C-alpha atoms as a PDB file:
ATOM      1  CA  MET A   1     -12.034  -0.120  27.587  1.00  0.00           C
ATOM      2  CA  HIS A   2     -11.293   2.992  25.554  1.00  0.00           C
ATOM      3  CA  PHE A   3     -10.809   3.910  21.911  1.00  0.00           C
ATOM      4  CA  GLU A   4      -7.299   3.535  20.537  1.00  0.00           C
ATOM      5  CA  ASP A   5      -6.241   5.561  17.527  1.00  0.00           C
ATOM      6  CA  ASN A   6      -4.943   3.821  14.397  1.00  0.00           C
ATOM      7  CA  THR A   7      -6.983   0.736  15.261  1.00  0.00           C
ATOM      8  CA  LEU A   8      -9.299  -1.429  13.188  1.00  0.00           C
ATOM      9  CA  TYR A   9     -11.923  -2.996  15.434  1.00  0.00           C
ATOM     10  CA  TYR A  10     -13.764  -6.190  14.479  1.00  0.00           C
ATOM     11  CA  ILE A  11     -16.956  -6.668  16.480  1.00  0.00           C
ATOM     12  CA  TYR A  12     -18.420 -10.159  16.397  1.00  0.00           C
ATOM     13  CA  ASP A  13     -20.017 -13.055  18.243  1.00  0.00           C
ATOM     14  CA  PRO A  14     -18.533 -16.573  17.968  1.00  0.00           C
ATOM     15  CA  MET A  15     -22.038 -18.039  17.505  1.00  0.00           C
ATOM     16  CA  CYS A  16     -23.134 -15.478  14.912  1.00  0.00           C
ATOM     17  CA  SER A  17     -23.588 -17.335  11.612  1.00  0.00           C
ATOM     18  CA  TRP A  18     -22.866 -14.217   9.551  1.00  0.00           C
ATOM     19  CA  CYS A  19     -19.611 -13.772  11.483  1.00  0.00           C
ATOM     20  CA  TYR A  20     -18.774 -17.352  10.535  1.00  0.00           C
ATOM     21  CA  ALA A  21     -19.468 -16.444   6.901  1.00  0.00           C
ATOM     22  CA  PHE A  22     -17.105 -13.469   7.191  1.00  0.00           C
ATOM     23  CA  GLU A  23     -14.096 -15.457   8.433  1.00  0.00           C
ATOM     24  CA  GLN A  24     -12.356 -15.796   5.070  1.00  0.00           C
ATOM     25  CA  SER A  25     -12.886 -12.126   4.261  1.00  0.00           C
ATOM     26  CA  LEU A  26     -11.557 -11.189   7.693  1.00  0.00           C
ATOM     27  CA  VAL A  27      -8.272 -12.991   7.020  1.00  0.00           C
ATOM     28  CA  ILE A  28      -7.831 -11.159   3.708  1.00  0.00           C
ATOM     29  CA  LEU A  29      -8.708  -7.854   5.338  1.00  0.00           C
ATOM     30  CA  GLN A  30      -6.066  -8.317   8.033  1.00  0.00           C
ATOM     31  CA  GLN A  31      -3.472  -9.209   5.416  1.00  0.00           C
ATOM     32  CA  HIS A  32      -4.132  -6.109   3.302  1.00  0.00           C
ATOM     33  CA  LYS A  33      -4.712  -3.410   5.922  1.00  0.00           C
ATOM     34  CA  PRO A  34      -1.868  -0.881   6.478  1.00  0.00           C
ATOM     35  CA  ALA A  35       0.805  -2.540   8.606  1.00  0.00           C
ATOM     36  CA  GLU A  36       0.774   0.404  11.015  1.00  0.00           C
ATOM     37  CA  LEU A  37      -2.871  -0.204  11.953  1.00  0.00           C
ATOM     38  CA  GLN A  38      -3.620  -2.245  15.054  1.00  0.00           C
ATOM     39  CA  PHE A  39      -6.304  -4.925  14.818  1.00  0.00           C
ATOM     40  CA  LYS A  40      -8.523  -5.696  17.800  1.00  0.00           C
ATOM     41  CA  ALA A  41     -11.489  -8.044  18.097  1.00  0.00           C
ATOM     42  CA  ILE A  42     -14.414  -7.066  20.335  1.00  0.00           C
ATOM     43  CA  LEU A  43     -17.114  -9.450  21.588  1.00  0.00           C
ATOM     44  CA  GLY A  44     -20.557  -8.034  20.927  1.00  0.00           C
ATOM     45  CA  GLY A  45     -22.567 -10.657  22.802  1.00  0.00           C
ATOM     46  CA  LEU A  46     -25.488 -11.619  20.608  1.00  0.00           C
ATOM     47  CA  ALA A  47     -27.762 -13.409  23.101  1.00  0.00           C
ATOM     48  CA  ALA A  48     -27.747 -13.441  26.910  1.00  0.00           C
ATOM     49  CA  ASP A  49     -27.576 -16.563  29.089  1.00  0.00           C
ATOM     50  CA  SER A  50     -30.703 -18.716  28.899  1.00  0.00           C
ATOM     51  CA  ASP A  51     -31.617 -22.316  29.700  1.00  0.00           C
ATOM     52  CA  THR A  52     -34.964 -22.005  27.936  1.00  0.00           C
ATOM     53  CA  PRO A  53     -35.118 -24.070  24.726  1.00  0.00           C
ATOM     54  CA  MET A  54     -35.244 -22.019  21.559  1.00  0.00           C
ATOM     55  CA  THR A  55     -38.707 -21.603  20.081  1.00  0.00           C
ATOM     56  CA  VAL A  56     -39.589 -23.309  16.830  1.00  0.00           C
ATOM     57  CA  ALA A  57     -39.923 -19.898  15.170  1.00  0.00           C
ATOM     58  CA  THR A  58     -36.438 -18.849  16.263  1.00  0.00           C
ATOM     59  CA  GLN A  59     -34.966 -22.136  15.070  1.00  0.00           C
ATOM     60  CA  ALA A  60     -36.611 -21.635  11.697  1.00  0.00           C
ATOM     61  CA  MET A  61     -35.272 -18.078  11.510  1.00  0.00           C
ATOM     62  CA  ILE A  62     -31.685 -19.195  12.149  1.00  0.00           C
ATOM     63  CA  GLN A  63     -31.915 -22.127   9.737  1.00  0.00           C
ATOM     64  CA  HIS A  64     -33.169 -19.710   7.095  1.00  0.00           C
ATOM     65  CA  ALA A  65     -30.125 -17.510   7.772  1.00  0.00           C
ATOM     66  CA  TRP A  66     -27.848 -20.530   7.281  1.00  0.00           C
ATOM     67  CA  GLN A  67     -29.507 -21.300   3.950  1.00  0.00           C
ATOM     68  CA  GLN A  68     -29.210 -17.660   2.914  1.00  0.00           C
ATOM     69  CA  ILE A  69     -25.502 -17.659   3.763  1.00  0.00           C
ATOM     70  CA  GLU A  70     -24.871 -20.837   1.771  1.00  0.00           C
ATOM     71  CA  ASN A  71     -26.527 -19.159  -1.221  1.00  0.00           C
ATOM     72  CA  THR A  72     -24.595 -15.919  -0.718  1.00  0.00           C
ATOM     73  CA  VAL A  73     -21.129 -17.222   0.203  1.00  0.00           C
ATOM     74  CA  PRO A  74     -20.500 -20.437  -1.778  1.00  0.00           C
ATOM     75  CA  GLU A  75     -17.433 -21.435   0.281  1.00  0.00           C
ATOM     76  CA  VAL A  76     -19.487 -21.626   3.497  1.00  0.00           C
ATOM     77  CA  SER A  77     -21.591 -24.632   4.498  1.00  0.00           C
ATOM     78  CA  PHE A  78     -23.506 -25.717   7.595  1.00  0.00           C
ATOM     79  CA  ASN A  79     -24.323 -29.040   9.207  1.00  0.00           C
ATOM     80  CA  PHE A  80     -28.085 -28.894   9.668  1.00  0.00           C
ATOM     81  CA  ASP A  81     -27.932 -32.030  11.838  1.00  0.00           C
ATOM     82  CA  PHE A  82     -27.424 -29.595  14.706  1.00  0.00           C
ATOM     83  CA  TRP A  83     -31.152 -28.975  14.837  1.00  0.00           C
ATOM     84  CA  THR A  84     -32.057 -32.644  15.291  1.00  0.00           C
ATOM     85  CA  HIS A  85     -29.131 -33.669  17.517  1.00  0.00           C
ATOM     86  CA  ASN A  86     -29.376 -30.883  20.125  1.00  0.00           C
ATOM     87  CA  THR A  87     -31.675 -28.893  22.328  1.00  0.00           C
ATOM     88  CA  ALA A  88     -30.975 -25.410  20.989  1.00  0.00           C
ATOM     89  CA  TYR A  89     -30.728 -22.418  23.321  1.00  0.00           C
ATOM     90  CA  ARG A  90     -30.712 -18.759  22.343  1.00  0.00           C
ATOM     91  CA  SER A  91     -27.568 -18.163  24.406  1.00  0.00           C
ATOM     92  CA  THR A  92     -24.194 -17.008  23.019  1.00  0.00           C
ATOM     93  CA  TYR A  93     -22.660 -15.467  26.155  1.00  0.00           C
ATOM     94  CA  PRO A  94     -21.018 -18.775  27.197  1.00  0.00           C
ATOM     95  CA  ALA A  95     -19.126 -18.920  23.887  1.00  0.00           C
ATOM     96  CA  CYS A  96     -18.099 -15.281  24.313  1.00  0.00           C
ATOM     97  CA  ARG A  97     -16.799 -16.034  27.799  1.00  0.00           C
ATOM     98  CA  ALA A  98     -14.852 -18.975  26.350  1.00  0.00           C
ATOM     99  CA  ILE A  99     -12.939 -16.558  24.103  1.00  0.00           C
ATOM    100  CA  ILE A 100     -12.031 -14.436  27.127  1.00  0.00           C
ATOM    101  CA  ALA A 101     -11.070 -17.503  29.183  1.00  0.00           C
ATOM    102  CA  ALA A 102      -8.789 -18.675  26.366  1.00  0.00           C
ATOM    103  CA  THR A 103      -7.100 -15.274  26.017  1.00  0.00           C
ATOM    104  CA  ASN A 104      -6.418 -15.261  29.751  1.00  0.00           C
ATOM    105  CA  GLN A 105      -3.846 -17.954  28.985  1.00  0.00           C
ATOM    106  CA  SER A 106      -2.535 -16.198  25.867  1.00  0.00           C
ATOM    107  CA  THR A 107      -3.914 -13.653  23.394  1.00  0.00           C
ATOM    108  CA  GLU A 108      -2.726 -16.052  20.677  1.00  0.00           C
ATOM    109  CA  PHE A 109      -5.578 -18.405  21.623  1.00  0.00           C
ATOM    110  CA  ALA A 110      -8.316 -15.891  20.709  1.00  0.00           C
ATOM    111  CA  THR A 111      -8.573 -16.796  17.032  1.00  0.00           C
ATOM    112  CA  PRO A 112      -8.066 -20.573  17.450  1.00  0.00           C
ATOM    113  CA  MET A 113     -10.794 -20.647  20.115  1.00  0.00           C
ATOM    114  CA  ARG A 114     -13.177 -18.708  17.880  1.00  0.00           C
ATOM    115  CA  LEU A 115     -12.523 -21.119  15.014  1.00  0.00           C
ATOM    116  CA  ALA A 116     -12.882 -24.137  17.313  1.00  0.00           C
ATOM    117  CA  ILE A 117     -16.270 -22.909  18.532  1.00  0.00           C
ATOM    118  CA  GLN A 118     -17.451 -22.278  14.985  1.00  0.00           C
ATOM    119  CA  ARG A 119     -16.259 -25.708  13.866  1.00  0.00           C
ATOM    120  CA  ALA A 120     -18.033 -27.401  16.779  1.00  0.00           C
ATOM    121  CA  TYR A 121     -21.262 -25.506  16.089  1.00  0.00           C
ATOM    122  CA  TYR A 122     -21.503 -25.315  12.314  1.00  0.00           C
ATOM    123  CA  GLN A 123     -19.615 -28.443  11.207  1.00  0.00           C
ATOM    124  CA  ASP A 124     -19.748 -30.942  14.073  1.00  0.00           C
ATOM    125  CA  ALA A 125     -23.353 -30.159  15.100  1.00  0.00           C
ATOM    126  CA  LYS A 126     -22.407 -29.551  18.746  1.00  0.00           C
ATOM    127  CA  ASN A 127     -23.887 -26.902  21.009  1.00  0.00           C
ATOM    128  CA  PRO A 128     -21.451 -24.154  22.165  1.00  0.00           C
ATOM    129  CA  SER A 129     -24.130 -22.791  24.475  1.00  0.00           C
ATOM    130  CA  LEU A 130     -23.030 -25.616  26.801  1.00  0.00           C
ATOM    131  CA  ASN A 131     -19.886 -25.257  28.893  1.00  0.00           C
ATOM    132  CA  ALA A 132     -19.000 -28.929  28.335  1.00  0.00           C
ATOM    133  CA  VAL A 133     -18.692 -28.318  24.579  1.00  0.00           C
ATOM    134  CA  LEU A 134     -16.557 -25.228  25.180  1.00  0.00           C
ATOM    135  CA  ILE A 135     -14.269 -27.173  27.505  1.00  0.00           C
ATOM    136  CA  ASN A 136     -13.858 -29.778  24.766  1.00  0.00           C
ATOM    137  CA  CYS A 137     -12.822 -26.998  22.384  1.00  0.00           C
ATOM    138  CA  ALA A 138     -10.253 -25.793  24.917  1.00  0.00           C
ATOM    139  CA  THR A 139      -8.961 -29.341  25.301  1.00  0.00           C
ATOM    140  CA  GLU A 140      -8.433 -29.594  21.538  1.00  0.00           C
ATOM    141  CA  LEU A 141      -6.311 -26.427  21.689  1.00  0.00           C
ATOM    142  CA  GLY A 142      -4.144 -27.773  24.515  1.00  0.00           C
ATOM    143  CA  LEU A 143      -5.219 -25.176  27.061  1.00  0.00           C
ATOM    144  CA  ASP A 144      -4.842 -25.620  30.809  1.00  0.00           C
ATOM    145  CA  ILE A 145      -8.322 -27.070  31.369  1.00  0.00           C
ATOM    146  CA  THR A 146      -8.458 -26.399  35.111  1.00  0.00           C
ATOM    147  CA  GLN A 147      -7.706 -22.728  34.578  1.00  0.00           C
ATOM    148  CA  PHE A 148     -10.008 -22.510  31.570  1.00  0.00           C
ATOM    149  CA  SER A 149     -12.922 -24.152  33.411  1.00  0.00           C
ATOM    150  CA  ASN A 150     -12.523 -21.782  36.347  1.00  0.00           C
ATOM    151  CA  ASP A 151     -12.186 -18.703  34.142  1.00  0.00           C
ATOM    152  CA  LEU A 152     -15.185 -19.728  32.050  1.00  0.00           C
ATOM    153  CA  VAL A 153     -17.554 -19.226  34.990  1.00  0.00           C
ATOM    154  CA  SER A 154     -15.675 -16.546  36.932  1.00  0.00           C
ATOM    155  CA  LEU A 155     -17.040 -13.131  37.845  1.00  0.00           C
ATOM    156  CA  ALA A 156     -13.979 -11.470  36.318  1.00  0.00           C
ATOM    157  CA  THR A 157     -14.718 -13.057  32.934  1.00  0.00           C
ATOM    158  CA  ASN A 158     -18.335 -11.972  33.109  1.00  0.00           C
ATOM    159  CA  ILE A 159     -17.260  -8.411  33.903  1.00  0.00           C
ATOM    160  CA  LYS A 160     -14.840  -8.477  30.975  1.00  0.00           C
ATOM    161  CA  LEU A 161     -17.636  -9.584  28.640  1.00  0.00           C
ATOM    162  CA  THR A 162     -19.791  -6.715  29.895  1.00  0.00           C
ATOM    163  CA  GLU A 163     -16.932  -4.319  29.109  1.00  0.00           C
ATOM    164  CA  HIS A 164     -16.721  -5.707  25.574  1.00  0.00           C
ATOM    165  CA  ARG A 165     -20.467  -5.356  25.048  1.00  0.00           C
ATOM    166  CA  HIS A 166     -20.527  -1.775  26.323  1.00  0.00           C
ATOM    167  CA  PHE A 167     -17.511  -0.879  24.199  1.00  0.00           C
ATOM    168  CA  ALA A 168     -19.258  -2.290  21.119  1.00  0.00           C
ATOM    169  CA  ARG A 169     -22.177   0.043  21.809  1.00  0.00           C
ATOM    170  CA  GLN A 170     -19.776   2.981  22.202  1.00  0.00           C
ATOM    171  CA  LEU A 171     -18.491   2.143  18.741  1.00  0.00           C
ATOM    172  CA  GLY A 172     -22.063   2.434  17.492  1.00  0.00           C
ATOM    173  CA  VAL A 173     -22.427  -1.266  16.717  1.00  0.00           C
ATOM    174  CA  SER A 174     -25.825  -2.954  16.753  1.00  0.00           C
ATOM    175  CA  SER A 175     -25.281  -5.868  14.344  1.00  0.00           C
ATOM    176  CA  TYR A 176     -22.545  -8.433  13.739  1.00  0.00           C
ATOM    177  CA  PRO A 177     -20.114  -8.673  12.134  1.00  0.00           C
ATOM    178  CA  SER A 178     -19.122  -4.994  12.127  1.00  0.00           C
ATOM    179  CA  LEU A 179     -15.914  -3.112  11.398  1.00  0.00           C
ATOM    180  CA  ARG A 180     -14.916   0.233  12.893  1.00  0.00           C
ATOM    181  CA  LEU A 181     -11.730   2.185  12.139  1.00  0.00           C
ATOM    182  CA  VAL A 182     -10.590   4.741  14.734  1.00  0.00           C
ATOM    183  CA  LEU A 183      -8.310   7.515  13.462  1.00  0.00           C
ATOM    184  CA  ASP A 184      -7.604  10.689  15.434  1.00  0.00           C
ATOM    185  CA  SER A 185     -10.387   9.716  17.865  1.00  0.00           C
ATOM    186  CA  GLU A 186     -12.889   9.669  14.988  1.00  0.00           C
ATOM    187  CA  ILE A 187     -14.880   6.475  14.392  1.00  0.00           C
ATOM    188  CA  HIS A 188     -15.355   5.334  10.791  1.00  0.00           C
ATOM    189  CA  THR A 189     -17.744   2.558   9.774  1.00  0.00           C
ATOM    190  CA  ILE A 190     -16.163   0.123   7.315  1.00  0.00           C
ATOM    191  CA  ALA A 191     -18.498  -1.691   4.942  1.00  0.00           C
ATOM    192  CA  VAL A 192     -18.742  -5.468   5.439  1.00  0.00           C
ATOM    193  CA  ASN A 193     -18.757  -7.572   2.276  1.00  0.00           C
ATOM    194  CA  TYR A 194     -18.795 -11.362   2.422  1.00  0.00           C
ATOM    195  CA  THR A 195     -17.540 -12.089  -1.093  1.00  0.00           C
ATOM    196  CA  ASP A 196     -15.397  -9.084  -2.085  1.00  0.00           C
ATOM    197  CA  THR A 197     -13.001  -7.431   0.372  1.00  0.00           C
ATOM    198  CA  LYS A 198     -11.642  -4.933  -2.139  1.00  0.00           C
ATOM    199  CA  PRO A 199     -14.080  -2.092  -1.263  1.00  0.00           C
ATOM    200  CA  ALA A 200     -13.314  -2.410   2.471  1.00  0.00           C
ATOM    201  CA  VAL A 201      -9.546  -2.555   1.869  1.00  0.00           C
ATOM    202  CA  GLU A 202      -9.736   0.526  -0.369  1.00  0.00           C
ATOM    203  CA  GLN A 203     -11.871   2.386   2.177  1.00  0.00           C
ATOM    204  CA  ILE A 204      -9.480   1.592   5.032  1.00  0.00           C
ATOM    205  CA  ASN A 205      -6.395   2.576   3.042  1.00  0.00           C
ATOM    206  CA  GLN A 206      -7.985   5.780   1.793  1.00  0.00           C
ATOM    207  CA  LEU A 207      -9.009   6.866   5.295  1.00  0.00           C
ATOM    208  CA  TYR A 208      -5.618   5.950   6.753  1.00  0.00           C
ATOM    209  CA  ASN A 209      -3.613   7.660   4.002  1.00  0.00           C
ATOM    210  CA  SER A 210      -5.724  10.802   4.269  1.00  0.00           C
ATOM    211  CA  GLN A 211      -5.095  10.917   8.001  1.00  0.00           C
ATOM    212  CA  GLN A 212      -1.360  10.423   7.523  1.00  0.00           C
ATOM    213  CA  LYS A 213      -1.134  13.331   5.071  1.00  0.00           C
ATOM    214  CA  VAL A 214      -2.242  15.757   7.761  1.00  0.00           C
ATOM    215  CA  SER A 215       0.952  17.345   9.083  1.00  0.00           C
ATOM    216  CA  LEU A 216       1.609  18.302  12.671  1.00  0.00           C
ATOM    217  CA  GLU A 217       2.561  21.871  13.452  1.00  0.00           C
ATOM    218  CA  SER A 218       6.293  22.453  13.341  1.00  0.00           C
ATOM    219  CA  PRO A 219       7.842  22.876  16.814  1.00  0.00           C
ATOM    220  CA  CYS A 220      10.154  25.620  15.546  1.00  0.00           C
ATOM    221  CA  ILE A 221      10.083  28.671  17.882  1.00  0.00           C
ATOM    222  CA  LYS A 222      12.231  30.891  15.624  1.00  0.00           C
ATOM    223  CA  ASN A 223      15.157  30.601  18.009  1.00  0.00           C
ATOM    224  CA  CYS A 224      17.486  28.415  15.956  1.00  0.00           C
ATOM    225  CA  SER A 225      20.861  27.589  17.456  1.00  0.00           C
ATOM    226  CA  LEU A 226      22.740  24.332  16.803  1.00  0.00           C
ATOM    227  CA  ASN A 227      25.038  22.799  19.381  1.00  0.00           C
ATOM    228  CA  ASP A 228      28.016  20.574  18.647  1.00  0.00           C
ATOM    229  CA  ASP A 229      25.692  17.585  18.137  1.00  0.00           C
ATOM    230  CA  ASP A 230      23.708  19.394  15.405  1.00  0.00           C
ATOM    231  CA  MET A 231      20.760  19.705  17.768  1.00  0.00           C
ATOM    232  CA  CYS A 232      18.684  22.874  17.752  1.00  0.00           C
ATOM    233  CA  LEU A 233      18.535  24.386  21.226  1.00  0.00           C
ATOM    234  CA  GLY A 234      15.199  25.980  20.336  1.00  0.00           C
ATOM    235  CA  CYS A 235      13.155  22.928  19.315  1.00  0.00           C
ATOM    236  CA  PHE A 236      15.593  20.122  20.272  1.00  0.00           C
ATOM    237  CA  ARG A 237      15.408  18.488  16.858  1.00  0.00           C
ATOM    238  CA  LEU A 238      18.475  17.259  15.014  1.00  0.00           C
ATOM    239  CA  MET A 239      19.440  18.952  11.753  1.00  0.00           C
ATOM    240  CA  ASP A 240      18.277  16.034   9.573  1.00  0.00           C
ATOM    241  CA  GLU A 241      14.956  15.958  11.448  1.00  0.00           C
ATOM    242  CA  ILE A 242      14.491  19.670  10.750  1.00  0.00           C
ATOM    243  CA  THR A 243      15.308  19.404   7.047  1.00  0.00           C
ATOM    244  CA  HIS A 244      13.129  16.333   6.513  1.00  0.00           C
ATOM    245  CA  TRP A 245      10.180  17.561   8.617  1.00  0.00           C
ATOM    246  CA  ALA A 246       8.054  18.681   5.653  1.00  0.00           C
ATOM    247  CA  TYR A 247       8.492  15.334   3.926  1.00  0.00           C
ATOM    248  CA  CYS A 248       7.476  13.170   6.916  1.00  0.00           C
ATOM    249  CA  ASN A 249       4.007  11.773   7.458  1.00  0.00           C
ATOM    250  CA  LYS A 250       2.126  12.426  10.668  1.00  0.00           C
ATOM    251  CA  ALA A 251       3.388   9.315  12.464  1.00  0.00           C
ATOM    252  CA  GLU A 252       6.997  10.140  11.566  1.00  0.00           C
ATOM    253  CA  GLN A 253       6.546  13.745  12.705  1.00  0.00           C
ATOM    254  CA  GLN A 254       5.128  12.550  16.023  1.00  0.00           C
ATOM    255  CA  ALA A 255       8.149  10.279  16.472  1.00  0.00           C
ATOM    256  CA  ILE A 256      10.443  13.277  15.899  1.00  0.00           C
ATOM    257  CA  LEU A 257       8.520  15.302  18.489  1.00  0.00           C
ATOM    258  CA  ASP A 258       8.789  12.447  20.981  1.00  0.00           C
ATOM    259  CA  ARG A 259      12.563  12.212  20.498  1.00  0.00           C
ATOM    260  CA  ALA A 260      12.907  15.998  20.770  1.00  0.00           C
ATOM    261  CA  ALA A 261      10.941  16.010  24.028  1.00  0.00           C
ATOM    262  CA  GLN A 262      13.209  13.285  25.398  1.00  0.00           C
ATOM    263  CA  ARG A 263      16.319  15.303  24.475  1.00  0.00           C
ATOM    264  CA  LYS A 264      14.873  18.408  26.118  1.00  0.00           C
ATOM    265  CA  SER A 265      14.146  16.443  29.301  1.00  0.00           C
ATOM    266  CA  GLN A 266      17.635  14.940  29.367  1.00  0.00           C
ATOM    267  CA  LEU A 267      19.202  18.366  28.869  1.00  0.00           C
ATOM    268  CA  SER A 268      17.085  19.933  31.593  1.00  0.00           C
ATOM    269  CA  ASN A 269      18.025  17.194  34.063  1.00  0.00           C
ATOM    270  CA  LYS A 270      21.711  17.369  33.215  1.00  0.00           C
ATOM    271  CA  PRO A 271      23.796  18.735  36.123  1.00  0.00           C
ATOM    272  CA  ASN A 272      25.276  22.203  35.556  1.00  0.00           C
END
């Protein structure tokens, strides 16, 4: 995996309770980000595979986090029956692999699978550390269960999860949820707020607009000569592209350069 410019990255774990608390804010953030920005979700992988029951201290720590979230984000609630109905494991990799297995069938299943896992865990008091629970989630979504079950435990899926985890570290992420905005190969940390998305939206728009105001260097080589199609034989731009160059943002200027390069190539390959 590699950084992609003009991309807002969301780094999360499907069994991270704070990520669950951020879901509503995430929807608003996606709705209000610049339309030109890509959005990509990255699996951080909170806890490795383990079949050792969670210690009492760890259970208490997580339950305290749930209570803290309920006090911080009023719209979010948890079913504490989970802790009496299940043997809890400190293992979130299976749920992460379930996201990858679902997207193998279609990228459109990524969000529904995440929400299904969260619903099973936090509302239905089921344990997404178990493959059987994850398969039930996939069944609810109408996935091909044979393919999903095979992908869930495949080496390829495990490798893909490792790629996600390493990429999260390259983005400088050590806690979830996290937001990173990549513009011109520069990584910007976006503040996460669970009750007010306005600061994050303003930060994203400000960074994006500032980047767009930076103009590319004009391709003019001071050898201006228009052909019958009003194309300059020096820079291969059309007359309207030349006159509007100074008023275009960076993305529009890059599009002009791309079209000019295509015209130059076509002209060079044209038989004499």
